C-alpha atoms as a PDB file:
ATOM      1  CA  THR A   1    -185.450-108.273  27.963  1.00  0.00           C
ATOM      2  CA  GLU A   2    -187.224-106.728  24.995  1.00  0.00           C
ATOM      3  CA  ILE A   3    -184.428-106.833  22.430  1.00  0.00           C
ATOM      4  CA  ALA A   4    -180.878-108.146  22.619  1.00  0.00           C
ATOM      5  CA  ALA A   5    -177.504-107.058  21.251  1.00  0.00           C
ATOM      6  CA  PRO A   6    -173.928-108.291  21.299  1.00  0.00           C
ATOM      7  CA  GLY A   7    -172.704-108.037  24.859  1.00  0.00           C
ATOM      8  CA  VAL A   8    -170.234-110.876  25.415  1.00  0.00           C
ATOM      9  CA  SER A   9    -166.496-110.291  25.063  1.00  0.00           C
ATOM     10  CA  THR A  10    -167.086-106.975  23.301  1.00  0.00           C
ATOM     11  CA  LYS A  11    -163.994-104.868  22.756  1.00  0.00           C
ATOM     12  CA  SER A  12    -164.246-101.335  24.058  1.00  0.00           C
ATOM     13  CA  THR A  13    -161.940 -98.488  24.912  1.00  0.00           C
ATOM     14  CA  TRP A  14    -160.786 -98.514  28.500  1.00  0.00           C
ATOM     15  CA  ASN A  15    -159.689 -95.819  30.953  1.00  0.00           C
ATOM     16  CA  ASP A  16    -155.991 -96.573  30.316  1.00  0.00           C
ATOM     17  CA  GLY A  17    -156.326 -95.658  26.614  1.00  0.00           C
ATOM     18  CA  LYS A  18    -156.232 -99.280  25.516  1.00  0.00           C
ATOM     19  CA  TYR A  19    -158.912-101.781  24.541  1.00  0.00           C
ATOM     20  CA  LYS A  20    -160.441-104.381  26.812  1.00  0.00           C
ATOM     21  CA  SER A  21    -162.999-107.142  26.213  1.00  0.00           C
ATOM     22  CA  ILE A  22    -165.891-106.936  28.653  1.00  0.00           C
ATOM     23  CA  SER A  23    -169.361-108.456  28.836  1.00  0.00           C
ATOM     24  CA  GLY A  24    -172.798-107.538  30.080  1.00  0.00           C
ATOM     25  CA  THR A  25    -175.547-104.982  29.721  1.00  0.00           C
ATOM     26  CA  SER A  26    -172.922-102.225  29.870  1.00  0.00           C
ATOM     27  CA  MET A  27    -171.922-103.350  26.382  1.00  0.00           C
ATOM     28  CA  ALA A  28    -175.310-104.390  24.962  1.00  0.00           C
ATOM     29  CA  CYS A  29    -177.334-101.308  25.958  1.00  0.00           C
ATOM     30  CA  PRO A  30    -175.131 -98.781  24.138  1.00  0.00           C
ATOM     31  CA  HIS A  31    -175.240-101.040  21.073  1.00  0.00           C
ATOM     32  CA  VAL A  32    -179.059-100.981  21.017  1.00  0.00           C
ATOM     33  CA  ALA A  33    -179.150 -97.232  21.655  1.00  0.00           C
ATOM     34  CA  GLY A  34    -176.634 -96.596  18.877  1.00  0.00           C
ATOM     35  CA  VAL A  35    -178.546 -98.694  16.351  1.00  0.00           C
ATOM     36  CA  ALA A  36    -181.811 -96.978  17.315  1.00  0.00           C
ATOM     37  CA  LEU A  37    -180.239 -93.538  16.896  1.00  0.00           C
ATOM     38  CA  MET A  38    -178.631 -94.434  13.586  1.00  0.00           C
ATOM     39  CA  VAL A  39    -181.923 -95.765  12.184  1.00  0.00           C
ATOM     40  CA  TRP A  40    -183.889 -92.787  13.542  1.00  0.00           C
ATOM     41  CA  SER A  41    -181.413 -90.347  11.988  1.00  0.00           C
ATOM     42  CA  HIS A  42    -182.405 -91.671   8.550  1.00  0.00           C
ATOM     43  CA  PHE A  43    -186.131 -91.413   9.351  1.00  0.00           C
ATOM     44  CA  PRO A  44    -186.432 -88.328  11.590  1.00  0.00           C
ATOM     45  CA  THR A  45    -190.187 -87.946  11.052  1.00  0.00           C
ATOM     46  CA  CYS A  46    -190.870 -91.273  12.787  1.00  0.00           C
ATOM     47  CA  LYS A  47    -191.939 -91.246  16.428  1.00  0.00           C
ATOM     48  CA  ASN A  48    -189.822 -93.029  19.014  1.00  0.00           C
ATOM     49  CA  SER A  49    -192.540 -95.660  19.434  1.00  0.00           C
ATOM     50  CA  GLN A  50    -192.456 -96.354  15.691  1.00  0.00           C
ATOM     51  CA  ILE A  51    -188.673 -96.814  15.708  1.00  0.00           C
ATOM     52  CA  ARG A  52    -189.019 -99.158  18.685  1.00  0.00           C
ATOM     53  CA  ASN A  53    -191.682-101.191  16.885  1.00  0.00           C
ATOM     54  CA  VAL A  54    -189.536-101.499  13.757  1.00  0.00           C
ATOM     55  CA  LEU A  55    -186.500-102.587  15.797  1.00  0.00           C
ATOM     56  CA  ILE A  56    -188.604-105.314  17.407  1.00  0.00           C
ATOM     57  CA  ARG A  57    -190.170-106.426  14.115  1.00  0.00           C
ATOM     58  CA  SER A  58    -186.799-106.632  12.362  1.00  0.00           C
ATOM     59  CA  ALA A  59    -184.902-108.409  15.164  1.00  0.00           C
ATOM     60  CA  ALA A  60    -183.399-111.820  14.391  1.00  0.00           C
ATOM     61  CA  GLU A  61    -185.205-114.411  16.517  1.00  0.00           C
ATOM     62  CA  ARG A  62    -183.124-116.361  19.036  1.00  0.00           C
ATOM     63  CA  GLY A  63    -184.011-118.749  21.827  1.00  0.00           C
ATOM     64  CA  GLN A  64    -187.334-120.493  22.448  1.00  0.00           C
ATOM     65  CA  GLY A  65    -190.500-118.886  21.142  1.00  0.00           C
ATOM     66  CA  LYS A  66    -191.263-115.577  19.472  1.00  0.00           C
ATOM     67  CA  CYS A  67    -190.377-113.577  22.604  1.00  0.00           C
ATOM     68  CA  ASN A  68    -188.409-115.114  25.463  1.00  0.00           C
ATOM     69  CA  PRO A  69    -186.711-113.981  28.696  1.00  0.00           C
ATOM     70  CA  GLU A  70    -183.181-114.479  27.378  1.00  0.00           C
ATOM     71  CA  TYR A  71    -183.318-112.666  24.010  1.00  0.00           C
ATOM     72  CA  GLY A  72    -186.660-110.856  24.089  1.00  0.00           C
ATOM     73  CA  HIS A  73    -187.823-110.441  20.501  1.00  0.00           C
ATOM     74  CA  GLY A  74    -184.325-111.259  19.221  1.00  0.00           C
ATOM     75  CA  ILE A  75    -181.004-109.713  18.258  1.00  0.00           C
ATOM     76  CA  ILE A  76    -181.197-106.146  16.955  1.00  0.00           C
ATOM     77  CA  GLN A  77    -180.608-105.810  13.190  1.00  0.00           C
ATOM     78  CA  GLY A  78    -179.918-102.239  12.084  1.00  0.00           C
ATOM     79  CA  LYS A  79    -179.910-102.868   8.332  1.00  0.00           C
ATOM     80  CA  SER A  80    -183.124-104.891   8.513  1.00  0.00           C
ATOM     81  CA  ALA A  81    -184.787-102.103  10.488  1.00  0.00           C
ATOM     82  CA  TYR A  82    -183.629 -99.537   7.929  1.00  0.00           C
ATOM     83  CA  ASP A  83    -184.884-101.677   5.061  1.00  0.00           C
ATOM     84  CA  LEU A  84    -188.267-102.167   6.722  1.00  0.00           C
ATOM     85  CA  LEU A  85    -188.674 -98.418   7.227  1.00  0.00           C
ATOM     86  CA  GLU A  86    -187.543 -97.735   3.670  1.00  0.00           C
ATOM     87  CA  LYS A  87    -190.147-100.167   2.342  1.00  0.00           C
ATOM     88  CA  GLU A  88    -193.120 -99.536   4.658  1.00  0.00           C
ATOM     89  CA  GLY A  89    -192.450 -96.154   6.283  1.00  0.00           C
ATOM     90  CA  CYS A  90    -192.894 -95.128   9.908  1.00  0.00           C
ATOM     91  CA  THR A  91    -196.095 -97.120  10.342  1.00  0.00           C
ATOM     92  CA  ALA A  92    -194.317-100.412   9.585  1.00  0.00           C
END
């Protein structure tokens, strides 16, 4: 795990047209990808590696230690990543 996102009891659309709460990486991965894309769309001149670095730097720490097997560098924080890029630019 490098970075974590909400993935437990997350409501999502289901194939019957209704909503269902499900858990797991199937919910967390799209959340991380969506946040990354949203941040990148505001800073299109940044490289993918720079966006990744900012997402890691701005993550909210969870678990034991700076980086751990359960949460990686922490829970993704889109607004914090945006603010960091706004303040320091792509090389943040």
